Amino acid sequence: MKYFFLLCSVFFLFQGPLFAQEIDSLALKKTYSSSLWPEGEAPKAWGWGQSILLEFSAYRWDQQRQESLSPQPQSIGQLLNVLPGLHMSIWGGNRKSFLFSLEGGLSYYPFSRDIGPKKNAIRSTLAAPLMLKGHWLLDSSYKQNRRTPFKSFLSLGYGQEWVYLGHNINGSEAKWLHIVELCRGSTVDGFSLQTFFKVGWGQKDALLAQFGIRLGWDGF
């Protein structure tokens, strides 16, 4: 009989912490689902969605060799673009840690000024980027198992950008550039604010540098 009680004591000794852990887990799950998601729905870390972004360029500088005008590269720049660029993207991945997105858009810069030999000559520029981006989620409600009012992320992207520099003057040419972009953003209830810096390069001395902000509607 004493061996029977000894075995029962050992059994409850090991099962007690596990039973307590299960109770805590159930309580956390109940609180988690009731405070963040409707009752009975578990949070899904993996998912996908779409984003709409409005890009406001603080400054953009372009250099491009326009052979029909001059053998020397021509440079133009525009400060505070008055017309926002429209970008759209499709994203997917794990909302606890990392997401991928494919983003494309169109921007128009109507008041780019020549900062080369023909200073103060007003030109305009069209740009259409297409990028593949990776997003590292630094602060996420899915990661912390609670709803947070602030979620932040860091993004790095690479792609191609079609640029038509100074298209309202004779002799302009369209170019394709390689582009790399670094972005830092935060999102609250699907609305995001992003700051970005982008550089580009291509054939015949084509270069690009740009920084600005984006306002977005997404579901990170």
Protein backbone atom coordinates (compact mmCIF):
# COMPACT_ATOMS: atom_id res chain seq x y z
CA MET A 1 0.00 0.00 0.00
CA LYS A 2 2.81 2.41 0.82
CA TYR A 3 4.25 1.83 -2.66
CA PHE A 4 0.88 2.72 -4.17
CA PHE A 5 0.79 6.05 -2.29
CA LEU A 6 4.40 6.70 -3.29
CA LEU A 7 3.59 6.19 -6.99
CA CYS A 8 0.52 8.46 -6.70
CA SER A 9 2.62 11.15 -5.04
CA VAL A 10 5.23 11.02 -7.84
CA PHE A 11 2.49 11.12 -10.50
CA PHE A 12 0.81 14.24 -9.06
CA LEU A 13 4.20 15.84 -8.48
CA PHE A 14 4.95 15.80 -12.23
CA GLN A 15 1.41 16.35 -13.47
CA GLY A 16 0.70 19.35 -11.23
CA PRO A 17 2.87 21.89 -13.11
CA LEU A 18 1.65 20.61 -16.48
CA PHE A 19 -1.97 20.92 -15.38
CA ALA A 20 -1.36 24.43 -14.08
CA GLN A 21 0.37 25.36 -17.35
CA GLU A 22 -2.63 24.12 -19.36
CA ILE A 23 -4.98 26.24 -17.23
CA ASP A 24 -2.81 29.33 -17.77
CA SER A 25 -2.68 28.63 -21.50
CA LEU A 26 -6.46 28.34 -21.72
CA ALA A 27 -6.91 31.55 -19.74
CA LEU A 28 -4.45 33.40 -22.00
CA LYS A 29 -6.17 32.07 -25.10
CA LYS A 30 -9.56 33.22 -23.81
CA THR A 31 -8.25 36.69 -22.96
CA TYR A 32 -6.32 36.86 -26.23
CA SER A 33 -9.27 35.95 -28.43
CA SER A 34 -11.80 38.06 -26.56
CA SER A 35 -9.67 41.24 -26.49
CA LEU A 36 -8.23 41.11 -30.00
CA TRP A 37 -10.32 38.81 -32.19
CA PRO A 38 -13.94 37.65 -32.02
CA GLU A 39 -14.56 34.69 -29.70
CA GLY A 40 -13.75 31.36 -31.28
CA GLU A 41 -11.38 32.80 -33.91
CA ALA A 42 -7.67 32.13 -33.48
CA PRO A 43 -5.20 34.69 -34.83
CA LYS A 44 -3.67 33.77 -38.18
CA ALA A 45 -0.03 34.70 -38.52
CA TRP A 46 0.18 33.78 -42.20
CA GLY A 47 -1.79 35.86 -44.64
CA TRP A 48 -1.83 38.15 -47.64
CA GLY A 49 -3.42 41.40 -48.69
CA GLN A 50 -3.25 44.51 -50.86
CA SER A 51 -1.93 48.02 -50.20
CA ILE A 52 -2.64 51.42 -51.72
CA LEU A 53 0.09 54.03 -51.25
CA LEU A 54 0.31 57.75 -51.95
CA GLU A 55 3.90 58.89 -52.43
CA PHE A 56 4.97 62.45 -51.64
CA SER A 57 8.47 63.18 -52.89
CA ALA A 58 10.48 65.60 -50.73
CA TYR A 59 13.28 65.77 -53.31
CA ARG A 60 14.14 63.87 -56.48
CA TRP A 61 17.30 64.20 -58.56
CA ASP A 62 17.77 62.62 -61.97
CA GLN A 63 20.78 62.50 -64.27
CA GLN A 64 20.59 61.19 -67.80
CA ARG A 65 22.67 61.50 -70.95
CA GLN A 66 20.51 63.06 -73.67
CA GLU A 67 22.61 62.55 -76.76
CA SER A 68 20.40 64.56 -79.10
CA LEU A 69 20.83 67.66 -76.91
CA SER A 70 24.32 67.37 -75.48
CA PRO A 71 27.04 64.74 -75.09
CA GLN A 72 27.18 65.70 -71.40
CA PRO A 73 24.77 64.22 -68.84
CA GLN A 74 21.78 66.40 -68.02
CA SER A 75 20.60 66.73 -64.40
CA ILE A 76 17.24 67.94 -63.15
CA GLY A 77 15.70 68.04 -59.69
CA GLN A 78 12.41 68.83 -58.04
CA LEU A 79 11.71 69.83 -54.46
CA LEU A 80 8.34 69.01 -52.81
CA ASN A 81 6.35 67.44 -55.61
CA VAL A 82 2.81 68.83 -55.64
CA LEU A 83 1.29 65.71 -57.22
CA PRO A 84 1.43 62.47 -55.19
CA GLY A 85 2.44 59.28 -56.93
CA LEU A 86 0.02 56.35 -56.80
CA HIS A 87 1.44 52.96 -55.84
CA MET A 88 -0.26 49.61 -55.32
CA SER A 89 1.16 46.37 -53.94
CA ILE A 90 0.29 42.79 -53.09
CA TRP A 91 1.89 41.40 -49.92
CA GLY A 92 2.03 38.04 -48.17
CA GLY A 93 3.94 36.19 -45.48
CA ASN A 94 4.14 35.77 -41.73
CA ARG A 95 2.75 38.77 -39.86
CA LYS A 96 4.76 37.82 -36.80
CA SER A 97 8.10 38.42 -38.45
CA PHE A 98 8.51 38.85 -42.23
CA LEU A 99 6.49 39.75 -45.32
CA PHE A 100 7.16 39.99 -49.06
CA SER A 101 5.44 42.43 -51.40
CA LEU A 102 5.37 43.26 -55.11
CA GLU A 103 4.83 46.99 -55.61
CA GLY A 104 4.31 49.11 -58.70
CA GLY A 105 3.29 52.69 -59.31
CA LEU A 106 3.33 55.84 -61.40
CA SER A 107 4.62 59.31 -60.49
CA TYR A 108 4.65 62.61 -62.38
CA TYR A 109 6.98 65.51 -61.58
CA PRO A 110 5.73 68.56 -63.52
CA PHE A 111 8.17 71.19 -62.21
CA SER A 112 11.59 69.58 -62.40
CA ARG A 113 14.24 72.22 -62.99
CA ASP A 114 17.43 71.87 -64.98
CA ILE A 115 20.44 72.11 -62.68
CA GLY A 116 22.96 71.61 -65.49
CA PRO A 117 24.01 73.92 -68.36
CA LYS A 118 20.46 75.19 -68.92
CA LYS A 119 19.68 76.26 -65.38
CA ASN A 120 16.10 77.12 -64.40
CA ALA A 121 14.64 75.48 -67.50
CA ILE A 122 11.43 73.77 -66.36
CA ARG A 123 11.01 70.18 -67.48
CA SER A 124 8.81 67.32 -66.37
CA THR A 125 9.51 63.71 -65.55
CA LEU A 126 7.49 60.50 -65.62
CA ALA A 127 8.53 57.53 -63.48
CA ALA A 128 7.07 54.04 -63.12
CA PRO A 129 8.84 51.77 -60.58
CA LEU A 130 8.30 48.05 -60.04
CA MET A 131 9.91 46.53 -56.94
CA LEU A 132 10.07 43.36 -54.89
CA LYS A 133 10.30 44.21 -51.18
CA GLY A 134 11.00 42.43 -47.93
CA HIS A 135 9.42 43.78 -44.73
CA TRP A 136 10.80 43.00 -41.26
CA LEU A 137 8.11 43.51 -38.61
CA LEU A 138 9.76 45.07 -35.58
CA ASP A 139 6.65 45.48 -33.42
CA SER A 140 3.52 43.49 -34.19
CA SER A 141 0.36 42.55 -32.35
CA TYR A 142 0.74 39.03 -33.73
CA LYS A 143 4.26 38.78 -32.31
CA GLN A 144 3.33 40.06 -28.85
CA ASN A 145 -0.02 38.21 -28.60
CA ARG A 146 -1.84 41.44 -27.88
CA ARG A 147 -3.25 44.37 -29.77
CA THR A 148 -0.75 47.22 -29.86
CA PRO A 149 -1.61 50.72 -31.11
CA PHE A 150 1.74 50.98 -32.86
CA LYS A 151 3.36 48.49 -35.25
CA SER A 152 6.64 49.29 -36.96
CA PHE A 153 8.55 47.72 -39.85
CA LEU A 154 11.74 48.07 -41.86
CA SER A 155 11.70 47.40 -45.62
CA LEU A 156 14.32 46.80 -48.29
CA GLY A 157 13.43 46.61 -51.97
CA TYR A 158 15.02 46.08 -55.38
CA GLY A 159 13.52 46.51 -58.83
CA GLN A 160 13.39 48.46 -62.07
CA GLU A 161 12.14 51.96 -62.79
CA TRP A 162 11.12 53.35 -66.16
CA VAL A 163 12.04 57.05 -66.32
CA TYR A 164 11.14 59.56 -69.04
CA LEU A 165 13.28 62.55 -68.17
CA GLY A 166 12.22 65.98 -69.41
CA HIS A 167 9.60 64.56 -71.75
CA ASN A 168 8.17 68.00 -72.57
CA ILE A 169 11.32 69.02 -74.51
CA ASN A 170 12.76 67.69 -77.75
CA GLY A 171 15.38 65.00 -77.64
CA SER A 172 14.36 63.29 -74.39
CA GLU A 173 14.69 59.56 -74.05
CA ALA A 174 13.19 56.93 -71.76
CA LYS A 175 15.51 54.81 -69.65
CA TRP A 176 15.28 51.75 -67.41
CA LEU A 177 17.13 52.02 -64.10
CA HIS A 178 18.04 49.52 -61.41
CA ILE A 179 16.68 50.81 -58.11
CA VAL A 180 17.24 50.00 -54.44
CA GLU A 181 15.03 51.41 -51.69
CA LEU A 182 15.25 51.51 -47.91
CA CYS A 183 12.05 52.28 -46.00
CA ARG A 184 11.05 52.71 -42.37
CA GLY A 185 7.38 52.77 -41.46
CA SER A 186 4.69 52.32 -38.86
CA THR A 187 1.07 51.28 -39.17
CA VAL A 188 -1.97 51.81 -36.93
CA ASP A 189 -5.17 49.88 -37.67
CA GLY A 190 -4.23 49.41 -41.34
CA PHE A 191 -3.05 53.00 -41.95
CA SER A 192 0.70 53.41 -42.43
CA LEU A 193 3.21 56.24 -42.60
CA GLN A 194 6.51 55.50 -44.32
CA THR A 195 9.73 57.37 -44.96
CA PHE A 196 11.92 56.14 -47.82
CA PHE A 197 15.24 56.72 -49.56
CA LYS A 198 15.80 55.41 -53.09
CA VAL A 199 18.81 55.30 -55.41
CA GLY A 200 19.03 54.16 -59.03
CA TRP A 201 21.55 53.63 -61.78
CA GLY A 202 21.55 52.66 -65.45
CA GLN A 203 23.33 52.96 -68.78
CA LYS A 204 24.82 56.16 -70.21
CA ASP A 205 25.41 57.84 -66.84
CA ALA A 206 21.75 57.55 -65.76
CA LEU A 207 21.44 58.09 -62.00
CA LEU A 208 18.62 58.68 -59.50
CA ALA A 209 18.34 59.75 -55.86
CA GLN A 210 15.07 60.41 -54.05
CA PHE A 211 13.60 60.62 -50.57
CA GLY A 212 10.12 61.33 -49.25
CA ILE A 213 7.13 59.89 -47.41
CA ARG A 214 4.25 57.57 -48.26
CA LEU A 215 0.78 57.29 -46.79
CA GLY A 216 -0.69 53.82 -47.11
CA TRP A 217 -3.72 51.67 -46.45
CA ASP A 218 -2.69 48.08 -45.76
CA GLY A 219 -3.42 45.16 -43.50
CA PHE A 220 -0.04 44.31 -42.01
